[in-house]
Amino acid sequence: MNQLTAWGKSIQFLLGLQNQDETLPDVKEIQIPIRNGNLRADWYTPKTKSLGTIVTINGLAPLGNRDPRFIIVNKSLSKLGYTVISPFFEEICDYKISLRNIDDIKDSILYISGKKEISPTGKVSIFAPSFSGSLSLIAASDKQIAERINTLCAIGAFTNVDDIIGNLFANQNLDEYGRMILLLNFLPLSIGENKSLFKAIKLAILDNYYKYKNNLLEPHYSKMKKADRDFFENLKYDSAFRMKHWEIILKKGGKNRNLLTALSVTNYIHSLNLPILLIHGTTDDVVPANESLLLHQKLVALGVECKLCITSLISHGDTGFSFKTLLEVPKLISSFSFFFLKAYDR
């Protein structure tokens, strides 16, 4: 594939993302063995000879690989001529943030790249938005995994997890969906177990995602103890209250501290050595675009082949690119052409 062809693929991809058809096509469902069981995955087969294999890693959303927006992405990549494997990462889809997330991504890459009928060359490329973009970067810092990857596209990824959590807790104007997911995972480190409270947080997240008319939270909320309801309201609306608990979490040592350290891409930068595309929305209300800018600067300084695109055409970790201003479209085309050129299996 030459540069001109890659530009054409990029234009075709961006046009494909404008398609509103969220119907799941006729895909083959396969099982991917991981160290903790199996993951189901959708296998999109192109109509022409495959240009290469792309593994798409879903973000923190309950529908995962079958989120309507992600189906459109997978179909668009397949229509370009790429084989697409899109696993359903159960832990990530259940809003569970842990080191297992990284292991599941690694195991998936090893299995998919090792199947000749899926990846004849033994290599894949990675397309991952949001939280999963950062997890994929961490997974790719493992030399054994990096050897199986042609290139990696991370959309709206973070560099330092401490900064992101602190920012979301402190700034009331930022995205509540992301904040509640972080509270669900890290607040137990401050207050311990409280089934009623954490159920309320989980239901609030699901209501935010599905946009239910009759929400799931209300029936449970009405039965909660007053103390738990007050605590929940403080979590939603009082940034000082949240920050007090974040400070408690940061003071914790042992496994708690190790998890936060292990989730920061910053700590793996020196082990990253493969072509990387970073895309970030200027108005991202979960992870500031400065995170990708900082990561790009560090990677380039280390001699890593890395391309950065900061654009107003997307929000946080989004996979739907709006053409609301044509001035930025050429930059997006150039960026994705970098990814498609590197993803091409020669």
C-alpha atoms as a PDB file:
ATOM      1  CA  MET A   1       0.000   0.000   0.000  1.00  0.00           C
ATOM      2  CA  ASN A   2       1.361   3.416  -0.945  1.00  0.00           C
ATOM      3  CA  GLN A   3       0.672   6.749   0.749  1.00  0.00           C
ATOM      4  CA  LEU A   4      -1.983   7.758  -1.795  1.00  0.00           C
ATOM      5  CA  THR A   5      -3.904   4.522  -1.212  1.00  0.00           C
ATOM      6  CA  ALA A   6      -3.653   5.027   2.539  1.00  0.00           C
ATOM      7  CA  TRP A   7      -5.161   8.502   2.167  1.00  0.00           C
ATOM      8  CA  GLY A   8      -8.004   6.977   0.164  1.00  0.00           C
ATOM      9  CA  LYS A   9      -8.629   4.395   2.883  1.00  0.00           C
ATOM     10  CA  SER A  10      -8.637   7.149   5.483  1.00  0.00           C
ATOM     11  CA  ILE A  11     -11.259   9.155   3.571  1.00  0.00           C
ATOM     12  CA  GLN A  12     -13.350   6.009   3.083  1.00  0.00           C
ATOM     13  CA  PHE A  13     -13.112   5.230   6.810  1.00  0.00           C
ATOM     14  CA  LEU A  14     -14.206   8.706   7.915  1.00  0.00           C
ATOM     15  CA  LEU A  15     -17.131   8.612   5.494  1.00  0.00           C
ATOM     16  CA  GLY A  16     -18.055   5.163   6.820  1.00  0.00           C
ATOM     17  CA  LEU A  17     -18.259   6.537  10.345  1.00  0.00           C
ATOM     18  CA  GLN A  18     -20.983   8.933   9.194  1.00  0.00           C
ATOM     19  CA  ASN A  19     -23.215   5.944   8.426  1.00  0.00           C
ATOM     20  CA  GLN A  20     -26.032   5.612  10.949  1.00  0.00           C
ATOM     21  CA  ASP A  21     -26.650   1.901  10.271  1.00  0.00           C
ATOM     22  CA  GLU A  22     -25.962   0.266  13.649  1.00  0.00           C
ATOM     23  CA  THR A  23     -27.106  -3.199  12.561  1.00  0.00           C
ATOM     24  CA  LEU A  24     -24.703  -5.998  13.436  1.00  0.00           C
ATOM     25  CA  PRO A  25     -23.701  -7.653  10.139  1.00  0.00           C
ATOM     26  CA  ASP A  26     -23.332 -11.372   9.579  1.00  0.00           C
ATOM     27  CA  VAL A  27     -20.188 -11.941  11.637  1.00  0.00           C
ATOM     28  CA  LYS A  28     -18.596 -15.121  12.883  1.00  0.00           C
ATOM     29  CA  GLU A  29     -18.436 -15.420  16.669  1.00  0.00           C
ATOM     30  CA  ILE A  30     -15.308 -17.048  18.077  1.00  0.00           C
ATOM     31  CA  GLN A  31     -13.992 -17.844  21.542  1.00  0.00           C
ATOM     32  CA  ILE A  32     -10.668 -16.425  22.693  1.00  0.00           C
ATOM     33  CA  PRO A  33      -9.012 -18.389  25.513  1.00  0.00           C
ATOM     34  CA  ILE A  34      -7.528 -16.190  28.244  1.00  0.00           C
ATOM     35  CA  ARG A  35      -5.945 -17.111  31.557  1.00  0.00           C
ATOM     36  CA  ASN A  36      -9.258 -16.598  33.369  1.00  0.00           C
ATOM     37  CA  GLY A  37     -11.567 -18.382  30.927  1.00  0.00           C
ATOM     38  CA  ASN A  38     -12.788 -17.311  27.492  1.00  0.00           C
ATOM     39  CA  LEU A  39     -13.865 -14.137  25.737  1.00  0.00           C
ATOM     40  CA  ARG A  40     -16.344 -14.151  22.884  1.00  0.00           C
ATOM     41  CA  ALA A  41     -15.348 -12.079  19.893  1.00  0.00           C
ATOM     42  CA  ASP A  42     -16.905 -10.947  16.612  1.00  0.00           C
ATOM     43  CA  TRP A  43     -14.917 -11.736  13.462  1.00  0.00           C
ATOM     44  CA  TYR A  44     -15.586  -9.325  10.587  1.00  0.00           C
ATOM     45  CA  THR A  45     -14.336 -10.715   7.275  1.00  0.00           C
ATOM     46  CA  PRO A  46     -13.675  -8.326   4.362  1.00  0.00           C
ATOM     47  CA  LYS A  47     -15.154  -9.143   0.943  1.00  0.00           C
ATOM     48  CA  THR A  48     -11.751  -8.830  -0.721  1.00  0.00           C
ATOM     49  CA  LYS A  49      -8.347 -10.216   0.188  1.00  0.00           C
ATOM     50  CA  SER A  50      -7.492  -8.993   3.678  1.00  0.00           C
ATOM     51  CA  LEU A  51      -5.080  -6.076   3.961  1.00  0.00           C
ATOM     52  CA  GLY A  52      -4.256  -7.015   7.544  1.00  0.00           C
ATOM     53  CA  THR A  53      -5.856  -7.777  10.903  1.00  0.00           C
ATOM     54  CA  ILE A  54      -7.120  -5.099  13.296  1.00  0.00           C
ATOM     55  CA  VAL A  55      -8.146  -5.881  16.875  1.00  0.00           C
ATOM     56  CA  THR A  56     -10.611  -3.349  18.287  1.00  0.00           C
ATOM     57  CA  ILE A  57     -10.667  -2.944  22.076  1.00  0.00           C
ATOM     58  CA  ASN A  58     -13.944  -1.578  23.451  1.00  0.00           C
ATOM     59  CA  GLY A  59     -14.097   1.131  26.101  1.00  0.00           C
ATOM     60  CA  LEU A  60     -15.947   1.240  29.435  1.00  0.00           C
ATOM     61  CA  ALA A  61     -19.424   0.523  28.093  1.00  0.00           C
ATOM     62  CA  PRO A  62     -21.739  -2.386  28.982  1.00  0.00           C
ATOM     63  CA  LEU A  63     -22.488  -3.312  25.354  1.00  0.00           C
ATOM     64  CA  GLY A  64     -18.769  -3.414  24.606  1.00  0.00           C
ATOM     65  CA  ASN A  65     -17.979  -4.648  21.108  1.00  0.00           C
ATOM     66  CA  ARG A  66     -21.667  -4.474  20.240  1.00  0.00           C
ATOM     67  CA  ASP A  67     -22.139  -0.876  21.271  1.00  0.00           C
ATOM     68  CA  PRO A  68     -23.848   0.663  18.200  1.00  0.00           C
ATOM     69  CA  ARG A  69     -21.000   3.166  17.750  1.00  0.00           C
ATOM     70  CA  PHE A  70     -18.415   0.386  17.896  1.00  0.00           C
ATOM     71  CA  ILE A  71     -20.303  -1.760  15.382  1.00  0.00           C
ATOM     72  CA  ILE A  72     -20.097   1.154  12.937  1.00  0.00           C
ATOM     73  CA  VAL A  73     -16.326   1.386  13.533  1.00  0.00           C
ATOM     74  CA  ASN A  74     -15.841  -2.344  13.019  1.00  0.00           C
ATOM     75  CA  LYS A  75     -17.940  -2.375   9.842  1.00  0.00           C
ATOM     76  CA  SER A  76     -16.071   0.638   8.483  1.00  0.00           C
ATOM     77  CA  LEU A  77     -12.679  -0.988   9.077  1.00  0.00           C
ATOM     78  CA  SER A  78     -13.857  -4.220   7.480  1.00  0.00           C
ATOM     79  CA  LYS A  79     -15.193  -2.396   4.404  1.00  0.00           C
ATOM     80  CA  LEU A  80     -11.703  -0.973   3.883  1.00  0.00           C
ATOM     81  CA  GLY A  81     -10.451  -4.527   3.418  1.00  0.00           C
ATOM     82  CA  TYR A  82      -9.160  -5.324   6.917  1.00  0.00           C
ATOM     83  CA  THR A  83     -10.014  -8.383   8.963  1.00  0.00           C
ATOM     84  CA  VAL A  84     -11.481  -7.123  12.248  1.00  0.00           C
ATOM     85  CA  ILE A  85     -11.580  -9.065  15.503  1.00  0.00           C
ATOM     86  CA  SER A  86     -13.593  -7.364  18.224  1.00  0.00           C
ATOM     87  CA  PRO A  87     -13.598  -9.161  21.605  1.00  0.00           C
ATOM     88  CA  PHE A  88     -16.125  -8.547  24.362  1.00  0.00           C
ATOM     89  CA  PHE A  89     -14.000  -7.699  27.412  1.00  0.00           C
ATOM     90  CA  GLU A  90     -16.303  -8.674  30.279  1.00  0.00           C
ATOM     91  CA  GLU A  91     -14.348  -6.954  33.051  1.00  0.00           C
ATOM     92  CA  ILE A  92     -14.122  -3.676  31.156  1.00  0.00           C
ATOM     93  CA  CYS A  93     -17.791  -3.848  30.146  1.00  0.00           C
ATOM     94  CA  ASP A  94     -18.741  -4.376  33.790  1.00  0.00           C
ATOM     95  CA  TYR A  95     -16.834  -1.196  34.722  1.00  0.00           C
ATOM     96  CA  LYS A  96     -14.180  -3.145  36.643  1.00  0.00           C
ATOM     97  CA  ILE A  97     -10.779  -1.477  36.519  1.00  0.00           C
ATOM     98  CA  SER A  98      -7.972  -3.892  37.395  1.00  0.00           C
ATOM     99  CA  LEU A  99      -4.694  -5.352  36.186  1.00  0.00           C
ATOM    100  CA  ARG A 100      -6.715  -8.211  34.716  1.00  0.00           C
ATOM    101  CA  ASN A 101      -7.858  -5.775  31.998  1.00  0.00           C
ATOM    102  CA  ILE A 102      -4.286  -5.566  30.720  1.00  0.00           C
ATOM    103  CA  ASP A 103      -3.778  -9.335  30.931  1.00  0.00           C
ATOM    104  CA  ASP A 104      -6.985  -9.953  28.959  1.00  0.00           C
ATOM    105  CA  ILE A 105      -5.805  -7.617  26.195  1.00  0.00           C
ATOM    106  CA  LYS A 106      -2.396  -9.303  26.086  1.00  0.00           C
ATOM    107  CA  ASP A 107      -3.916 -12.789  25.958  1.00  0.00           C
ATOM    108  CA  SER A 108      -6.271 -11.719  23.162  1.00  0.00           C
ATOM    109  CA  ILE A 109      -3.435 -10.304  21.077  1.00  0.00           C
ATOM    110  CA  LEU A 110      -1.345 -13.447  21.528  1.00  0.00           C
ATOM    111  CA  TYR A 111      -4.217 -15.742  20.558  1.00  0.00           C
ATOM    112  CA  ILE A 112      -5.454 -13.737  17.562  1.00  0.00           C
ATOM    113  CA  SER A 113      -1.979 -13.148  16.131  1.00  0.00           C
ATOM    114  CA  GLY A 114      -1.214 -16.845  16.577  1.00  0.00           C
ATOM    115  CA  LYS A 115      -4.146 -18.050  14.440  1.00  0.00           C
ATOM    116  CA  LYS A 116      -2.996 -18.300  10.813  1.00  0.00           C
ATOM    117  CA  GLU A 117      -6.554 -18.247   9.458  1.00  0.00           C
ATOM    118  CA  ILE A 118      -7.116 -14.874  11.170  1.00  0.00           C
ATOM    119  CA  SER A 119      -3.654 -13.338  10.984  1.00  0.00           C
ATOM    120  CA  PRO A 120      -1.494 -15.034   8.320  1.00  0.00           C
ATOM    121  CA  THR A 121       1.560 -12.887   9.129  1.00  0.00           C
ATOM    122  CA  GLY A 122       1.286 -13.408  12.886  1.00  0.00           C
ATOM    123  CA  LYS A 123       0.806  -9.676  13.520  1.00  0.00           C
ATOM    124  CA  VAL A 124      -2.183  -7.455  14.280  1.00  0.00           C
ATOM    125  CA  SER A 125      -2.914  -3.755  14.700  1.00  0.00           C
ATOM    126  CA  ILE A 126      -4.822  -2.252  17.628  1.00  0.00           C
ATOM    127  CA  PHE A 127      -7.650   0.311  17.585  1.00  0.00           C
ATOM    128  CA  ALA A 128      -8.741   1.374  21.071  1.00  0.00           C
ATOM    129  CA  PRO A 129     -10.662   4.370  22.454  1.00  0.00           C
ATOM    130  CA  SER A 130     -10.555   5.992  25.891  1.00  0.00           C
ATOM    131  CA  PHE A 131      -9.530   3.928  28.918  1.00  0.00           C
ATOM    132  CA  SER A 132      -8.835   0.930  26.691  1.00  0.00           C
ATOM    133  CA  GLY A 133      -6.433   2.992  24.618  1.00  0.00           C
ATOM    134  CA  SER A 134      -4.256   3.466  27.691  1.00  0.00           C
ATOM    135  CA  LEU A 135      -4.576  -0.213  28.653  1.00  0.00           C
ATOM    136  CA  SER A 136      -3.541  -1.197  25.134  1.00  0.00           C
ATOM    137  CA  LEU A 137      -0.487   1.055  25.293  1.00  0.00           C
ATOM    138  CA  ILE A 138       0.508  -0.611  28.568  1.00  0.00           C
ATOM    139  CA  ALA A 139      -0.028  -4.062  27.044  1.00  0.00           C
ATOM    140  CA  ALA A 140       2.099  -3.064  24.033  1.00  0.00           C
ATOM    141  CA  SER A 141       4.995  -2.136  26.326  1.00  0.00           C
ATOM    142  CA  ASP A 142       5.491  -5.879  26.847  1.00  0.00           C
ATOM    143  CA  LYS A 143       8.150  -6.921  24.317  1.00  0.00           C
ATOM    144  CA  GLN A 144       6.442 -10.242  23.553  1.00  0.00           C
ATOM    145  CA  ILE A 145       3.188  -8.415  22.764  1.00  0.00           C
ATOM    146  CA  ALA A 146       4.855  -5.582  20.824  1.00  0.00           C
ATOM    147  CA  GLU A 147       6.415  -8.133  18.465  1.00  0.00           C
ATOM    148  CA  ARG A 148       2.871  -9.134  17.453  1.00  0.00           C
ATOM    149  CA  ILE A 149       1.655  -5.574  16.738  1.00  0.00           C
ATOM    150  CA  ASN A 150       2.095  -3.550  13.537  1.00  0.00           C
ATOM    151  CA  THR A 151       0.686  -0.305  14.909  1.00  0.00           C
ATOM    152  CA  LEU A 152      -1.644   1.064  17.584  1.00  0.00           C
ATOM    153  CA  CYS A 153      -4.288   3.799  17.468  1.00  0.00           C
ATOM    154  CA  ALA A 154      -5.364   5.203  20.855  1.00  0.00           C
ATOM    155  CA  ILE A 155      -8.203   7.726  20.959  1.00  0.00           C
ATOM    156  CA  GLY A 156      -8.572   9.921  24.065  1.00  0.00           C
ATOM    157  CA  ALA A 157      -6.043   7.956  26.129  1.00  0.00           C
ATOM    158  CA  PHE A 158      -4.607   9.135  29.434  1.00  0.00           C
ATOM    159  CA  THR A 159      -0.951   9.208  30.475  1.00  0.00           C
ATOM    160  CA  ASN A 160      -1.068   9.557  34.266  1.00  0.00           C
ATOM    161  CA  VAL A 161      -4.076   7.966  35.994  1.00  0.00           C
ATOM    162  CA  ASP A 162      -3.582   9.920  39.251  1.00  0.00           C
ATOM    163  CA  ASP A 163      -3.987  13.222  37.426  1.00  0.00           C
ATOM    164  CA  ILE A 164      -7.089  12.080  35.559  1.00  0.00           C
ATOM    165  CA  ILE A 165      -8.895  10.808  38.647  1.00  0.00           C
ATOM    166  CA  GLY A 166      -7.961  13.879  40.669  1.00  0.00           C
ATOM    167  CA  ASN A 167      -9.166  16.150  37.875  1.00  0.00           C
ATOM    168  CA  LEU A 168     -12.494  14.345  37.464  1.00  0.00           C
ATOM    169  CA  PHE A 169     -13.123  14.391  41.209  1.00  0.00           C
ATOM    170  CA  ALA A 170     -12.211  18.057  41.583  1.00  0.00           C
ATOM    171  CA  ASN A 171     -13.994  19.575  38.570  1.00  0.00           C
ATOM    172  CA  GLN A 172     -17.783  19.393  38.786  1.00  0.00           C
ATOM    173  CA  ASN A 173     -18.157  20.423  35.147  1.00  0.00           C
ATOM    174  CA  LEU A 174     -16.443  17.310  33.807  1.00  0.00           C
ATOM    175  CA  ASP A 175     -18.152  14.118  32.680  1.00  0.00           C
ATOM    176  CA  GLU A 176     -20.245  12.423  35.385  1.00  0.00           C
ATOM    177  CA  TYR A 177     -20.233   9.047  33.610  1.00  0.00           C
ATOM    178  CA  GLY A 178     -16.438   8.771  33.846  1.00  0.00           C
ATOM    179  CA  ARG A 179     -16.377  10.149  37.383  1.00  0.00           C
ATOM    180  CA  MET A 180     -18.932   7.608  38.636  1.00  0.00           C
ATOM    181  CA  ILE A 181     -16.978   4.727  37.084  1.00  0.00           C
ATOM    182  CA  LEU A 182     -13.855   5.852  38.939  1.00  0.00           C
ATOM    183  CA  LEU A 183     -15.807   6.231  42.183  1.00  0.00           C
ATOM    184  CA  LEU A 184     -17.202   2.722  41.746  1.00  0.00           C
ATOM    185  CA  ASN A 185     -13.675   1.332  41.476  1.00  0.00           C
ATOM    186  CA  PHE A 186     -11.637   3.457  43.860  1.00  0.00           C
ATOM    187  CA  LEU A 187     -14.010   4.705  46.578  1.00  0.00           C
ATOM    188  CA  PRO A 188     -13.942   1.295  48.347  1.00  0.00           C
ATOM    189  CA  LEU A 189     -10.270   2.026  49.075  1.00  0.00           C
ATOM    190  CA  SER A 190     -11.478   4.944  51.207  1.00  0.00           C
ATOM    191  CA  ILE A 191     -14.738   3.767  52.816  1.00  0.00           C
ATOM    192  CA  GLY A 192     -14.677  -0.005  52.475  1.00  0.00           C
ATOM    193  CA  GLU A 193     -17.781  -1.946  51.437  1.00  0.00           C
ATOM    194  CA  ASN A 194     -21.257  -0.428  51.233  1.00  0.00           C
ATOM    195  CA  LYS A 195     -23.448  -2.538  48.944  1.00  0.00           C
ATOM    196  CA  SER A 196     -26.361  -0.108  48.859  1.00  0.00           C
ATOM    197  CA  LEU A 197     -24.183   2.901  47.993  1.00  0.00           C
ATOM    198  CA  PHE A 198     -22.176   1.123  45.318  1.00  0.00           C
ATOM    199  CA  LYS A 199     -25.327  -0.316  43.779  1.00  0.00           C
ATOM    200  CA  ALA A 200     -26.640   3.258  43.507  1.00  0.00           C
ATOM    201  CA  ILE A 201     -23.423   4.354  41.787  1.00  0.00           C
ATOM    202  CA  LYS A 202     -23.600   1.420  39.353  1.00  0.00           C
ATOM    203  CA  LEU A 203     -27.248   2.151  38.512  1.00  0.00           C
ATOM    204  CA  ALA A 204     -26.450   5.831  37.977  1.00  0.00           C
ATOM    205  CA  ILE A 205     -23.735   4.825  35.487  1.00  0.00           C
ATOM    206  CA  LEU A 206     -26.112   2.537  33.592  1.00  0.00           C
ATOM    207  CA  ASP A 207     -28.794   5.236  33.488  1.00  0.00           C
ATOM    208  CA  ASN A 208     -26.231   7.639  32.067  1.00  0.00           C
ATOM    209  CA  TYR A 209     -25.174   5.131  29.394  1.00  0.00           C
ATOM    210  CA  TYR A 210     -28.597   3.886  28.287  1.00  0.00           C
ATOM    211  CA  LYS A 211     -30.449   7.206  28.767  1.00  0.00           C
ATOM    212  CA  TYR A 212     -33.491   5.370  30.117  1.00  0.00           C
ATOM    213  CA  LYS A 213     -36.741   7.305  30.366  1.00  0.00           C
ATOM    214  CA  ASN A 214     -37.661   5.304  33.464  1.00  0.00           C
ATOM    215  CA  ASN A 215     -34.324   5.158  35.225  1.00  0.00           C
ATOM    216  CA  LEU A 216     -32.930   2.226  37.161  1.00  0.00           C
ATOM    217  CA  LEU A 217     -31.617   4.300  40.055  1.00  0.00           C
ATOM    218  CA  GLU A 218     -34.850   5.816  41.365  1.00  0.00           C
ATOM    219  CA  PRO A 219     -36.484   2.641  42.819  1.00  0.00           C
ATOM    220  CA  HIS A 220     -33.269   1.710  44.623  1.00  0.00           C
ATOM    221  CA  TYR A 221     -32.530   5.277  45.727  1.00  0.00           C
ATOM    222  CA  SER A 222     -35.946   5.614  47.384  1.00  0.00           C
ATOM    223  CA  LYS A 223     -35.194   2.572  49.566  1.00  0.00           C
ATOM    224  CA  MET A 224     -31.699   3.655  50.641  1.00  0.00           C
ATOM    225  CA  LYS A 225     -30.935   4.767  54.177  1.00  0.00           C
ATOM    226  CA  LYS A 226     -30.856   8.541  54.552  1.00  0.00           C
ATOM    227  CA  ALA A 227     -27.145   8.465  55.425  1.00  0.00           C
ATOM    228  CA  ASP A 228     -26.387   6.575  52.206  1.00  0.00           C
ATOM    229  CA  ARG A 229     -28.567   8.908  50.145  1.00  0.00           C
ATOM    230  CA  ASP A 230     -26.786  11.925  51.603  1.00  0.00           C
ATOM    231  CA  PHE A 231     -23.414  10.319  50.895  1.00  0.00           C
ATOM    232  CA  PHE A 232     -24.461   9.614  47.309  1.00  0.00           C
ATOM    233  CA  GLU A 233     -25.626  13.200  46.787  1.00  0.00           C
ATOM    234  CA  ASN A 234     -22.337  14.512  48.158  1.00  0.00           C
ATOM    235  CA  LEU A 235     -20.450  12.300  45.722  1.00  0.00           C
ATOM    236  CA  LYS A 236     -22.482  13.697  42.837  1.00  0.00           C
ATOM    237  CA  TYR A 237     -22.397  17.375  43.676  1.00  0.00           C
ATOM    238  CA  ASP A 238     -19.648  18.173  46.209  1.00  0.00           C
ATOM    239  CA  SER A 239     -16.155  18.234  44.720  1.00  0.00           C
ATOM    240  CA  ALA A 240     -14.524  18.975  48.110  1.00  0.00           C
ATOM    241  CA  PHE A 241     -16.219  15.874  49.532  1.00  0.00           C
ATOM    242  CA  ARG A 242     -14.892  13.737  46.674  1.00  0.00           C
ATOM    243  CA  MET A 243     -11.407  15.168  47.005  1.00  0.00           C
ATOM    244  CA  LYS A 244     -11.314  14.354  50.697  1.00  0.00           C
ATOM    245  CA  HIS A 245     -11.797  10.697  49.832  1.00  0.00           C
ATOM    246  CA  TRP A 246      -9.341  10.891  46.934  1.00  0.00           C
ATOM    247  CA  GLU A 247      -6.681  12.145  49.354  1.00  0.00           C
ATOM    248  CA  ILE A 248      -7.409   9.179  51.610  1.00  0.00           C
ATOM    249  CA  ILE A 249      -7.036   6.829  48.631  1.00  0.00           C
ATOM    250  CA  LEU A 250      -3.694   8.378  47.660  1.00  0.00           C
ATOM    251  CA  LYS A 251      -2.359   7.883  51.181  1.00  0.00           C
ATOM    252  CA  LYS A 252      -3.114   4.184  51.043  1.00  0.00           C
ATOM    253  CA  GLY A 253      -0.129   1.965  50.353  1.00  0.00           C
ATOM    254  CA  GLY A 254       0.399  -1.606  49.233  1.00  0.00           C
ATOM    255  CA  LYS A 255      -1.853  -3.043  46.517  1.00  0.00           C
ATOM    256  CA  ASN A 256      -3.931   0.129  46.290  1.00  0.00           C
ATOM    257  CA  ARG A 257      -0.948   2.275  45.386  1.00  0.00           C
ATOM    258  CA  ASN A 258       0.433  -0.426  43.102  1.00  0.00           C
ATOM    259  CA  LEU A 259      -2.784  -0.509  41.066  1.00  0.00           C
ATOM    260  CA  LEU A 260      -2.700   3.235  40.427  1.00  0.00           C
ATOM    261  CA  THR A 261       0.963   3.031  39.461  1.00  0.00           C
ATOM    262  CA  ALA A 262       0.344   0.067  37.159  1.00  0.00           C
ATOM    263  CA  LEU A 263      -2.442   1.903  35.300  1.00  0.00           C
ATOM    264  CA  SER A 264      -0.305   4.924  34.363  1.00  0.00           C
ATOM    265  CA  VAL A 265       1.137   4.825  30.851  1.00  0.00           C
ATOM    266  CA  THR A 266       3.909   7.143  32.078  1.00  0.00           C
ATOM    267  CA  ASN A 267       5.551   4.208  33.818  1.00  0.00           C
ATOM    268  CA  TYR A 268       5.839   2.200  30.583  1.00  0.00           C
ATOM    269  CA  ILE A 269       6.942   4.852  28.095  1.00  0.00           C
ATOM    270  CA  HIS A 270      10.546   3.647  27.897  1.00  0.00           C
ATOM    271  CA  SER A 271       9.322   0.188  26.850  1.00  0.00           C
ATOM    272  CA  LEU A 272       7.074   1.396  24.018  1.00  0.00           C
ATOM    273  CA  ASN A 273       8.640   0.918  20.606  1.00  0.00           C
ATOM    274  CA  LEU A 274       6.106   0.585  17.783  1.00  0.00           C
ATOM    275  CA  PRO A 275       4.275   3.018  15.473  1.00  0.00           C
ATOM    276  CA  ILE A 276       1.593   4.823  17.506  1.00  0.00           C
ATOM    277  CA  LEU A 277      -1.246   7.137  16.474  1.00  0.00           C
ATOM    278  CA  LEU A 278      -2.693   9.343  19.217  1.00  0.00           C
ATOM    279  CA  ILE A 279      -6.003  11.114  18.550  1.00  0.00           C
ATOM    280  CA  HIS A 280      -7.631  13.409  21.102  1.00  0.00           C
ATOM    281  CA  GLY A 281     -10.583  15.776  21.208  1.00  0.00           C
ATOM    282  CA  THR A 282      -9.842  19.372  22.178  1.00  0.00           C
ATOM    283  CA  THR A 283     -13.037  19.478  24.269  1.00  0.00           C
ATOM    284  CA  ASP A 284     -12.589  16.082  25.924  1.00  0.00           C
ATOM    285  CA  ASP A 285     -14.432  16.379  29.261  1.00  0.00           C
ATOM    286  CA  VAL A 286     -12.861  13.265  30.813  1.00  0.00           C
ATOM    287  CA  VAL A 287      -9.222  13.204  29.736  1.00  0.00           C
ATOM    288  CA  PRO A 288      -7.665  16.554  28.742  1.00  0.00           C
ATOM    289  CA  ALA A 289      -6.021  16.630  25.317  1.00  0.00           C
ATOM    290  CA  ASN A 290      -2.797  17.614  27.081  1.00  0.00           C
ATOM    291  CA  GLU A 291      -2.469  13.940  28.125  1.00  0.00           C
ATOM    292  CA  SER A 292      -1.925  12.833  24.519  1.00  0.00           C
ATOM    293  CA  LEU A 293       0.251  15.879  23.837  1.00  0.00           C
ATOM    294  CA  LEU A 294       2.506  14.984  26.774  1.00  0.00           C
ATOM    295  CA  LEU A 295       2.672  11.324  25.745  1.00  0.00           C
ATOM    296  CA  HIS A 296       3.510  12.280  22.166  1.00  0.00           C
ATOM    297  CA  GLN A 297       6.341  14.561  23.293  1.00  0.00           C
ATOM    298  CA  LYS A 298       7.837  11.842  25.483  1.00  0.00           C
ATOM    299  CA  LEU A 299       7.592   9.167  22.801  1.00  0.00           C
ATOM    300  CA  VAL A 300       9.103  11.355  20.083  1.00  0.00           C
ATOM    301  CA  ALA A 301      11.961  12.272  22.436  1.00  0.00           C
ATOM    302  CA  LEU A 302      12.641   8.538  22.794  1.00  0.00           C
ATOM    303  CA  GLY A 303      12.700   8.076  19.025  1.00  0.00           C
ATOM    304  CA  VAL A 304       9.347   6.282  18.804  1.00  0.00           C
ATOM    305  CA  GLU A 305       7.449   6.716  15.528  1.00  0.00           C
ATOM    306  CA  CYS A 306       4.397   8.534  16.817  1.00  0.00           C
ATOM    307  CA  LYS A 307       1.770  10.769  15.193  1.00  0.00           C
ATOM    308  CA  LEU A 308      -0.544  13.127  17.119  1.00  0.00           C
ATOM    309  CA  CYS A 309      -3.888  14.580  16.050  1.00  0.00           C
ATOM    310  CA  ILE A 310      -5.750  16.919  18.401  1.00  0.00           C
ATOM    311  CA  THR A 311      -9.106  17.822  16.886  1.00  0.00           C
ATOM    312  CA  SER A 312     -12.368  19.549  17.746  1.00  0.00           C
ATOM    313  CA  LEU A 313     -14.289  16.962  15.699  1.00  0.00           C
ATOM    314  CA  ILE A 314     -14.611  14.457  18.560  1.00  0.00           C
ATOM    315  CA  SER A 315     -15.353  14.381  22.274  1.00  0.00           C
ATOM    316  CA  HIS A 316     -13.894  11.904  24.796  1.00  0.00           C
ATOM    317  CA  GLY A 317     -12.589   8.677  23.260  1.00  0.00           C
ATOM    318  CA  ASP A 318     -15.284   9.035  20.626  1.00  0.00           C
ATOM    319  CA  THR A 319     -15.417   6.849  17.540  1.00  0.00           C
ATOM    320  CA  GLY A 320     -17.867   9.071  15.677  1.00  0.00           C
ATOM    321  CA  PHE A 321     -16.141  11.935  13.860  1.00  0.00           C
ATOM    322  CA  SER A 322     -18.333  14.884  12.926  1.00  0.00           C
ATOM    323  CA  PHE A 323     -17.540  16.937   9.828  1.00  0.00           C
ATOM    324  CA  LYS A 324     -18.842  20.129  11.457  1.00  0.00           C
ATOM    325  CA  THR A 325     -15.777  21.996  10.210  1.00  0.00           C
ATOM    326  CA  LEU A 326     -14.036  20.955   7.020  1.00  0.00           C
ATOM    327  CA  LEU A 327     -10.853  22.755   8.041  1.00  0.00           C
ATOM    328  CA  GLU A 328      -9.803  19.899  10.340  1.00  0.00           C
ATOM    329  CA  VAL A 329     -10.742  17.026   8.046  1.00  0.00           C
ATOM    330  CA  PRO A 330      -7.372  16.941   6.190  1.00  0.00           C
ATOM    331  CA  LYS A 331      -5.571  16.535   9.519  1.00  0.00           C
ATOM    332  CA  LEU A 332      -7.770  13.560  10.391  1.00  0.00           C
ATOM    333  CA  ILE A 333      -7.273  12.039   6.949  1.00  0.00           C
ATOM    334  CA  SER A 334      -3.501  12.354   7.292  1.00  0.00           C
ATOM    335  CA  SER A 335      -3.576  10.826  10.774  1.00  0.00           C
ATOM    336  CA  PHE A 336      -5.635   7.775   9.882  1.00  0.00           C
ATOM    337  CA  SER A 337      -3.619   7.257   6.700  1.00  0.00           C
ATOM    338  CA  PHE A 338      -0.601   6.790   9.004  1.00  0.00           C
ATOM    339  CA  PHE A 339      -2.489   4.045  10.875  1.00  0.00           C
ATOM    340  CA  PHE A 340      -3.810   2.262   7.763  1.00  0.00           C
ATOM    341  CA  LEU A 341      -0.411   2.333   6.089  1.00  0.00           C
ATOM    342  CA  LYS A 342       1.217   0.751   9.154  1.00  0.00           C
ATOM    343  CA  ALA A 343      -1.661  -1.734   9.595  1.00  0.00           C
ATOM    344  CA  TYR A 344      -1.152  -3.068   6.080  1.00  0.00           C
ATOM    345  CA  ASP A 345       0.390  -6.563   6.166  1.00  0.00           C
ATOM    346  CA  ARG A 346       2.994  -6.665   3.443  1.00  0.00           C
END
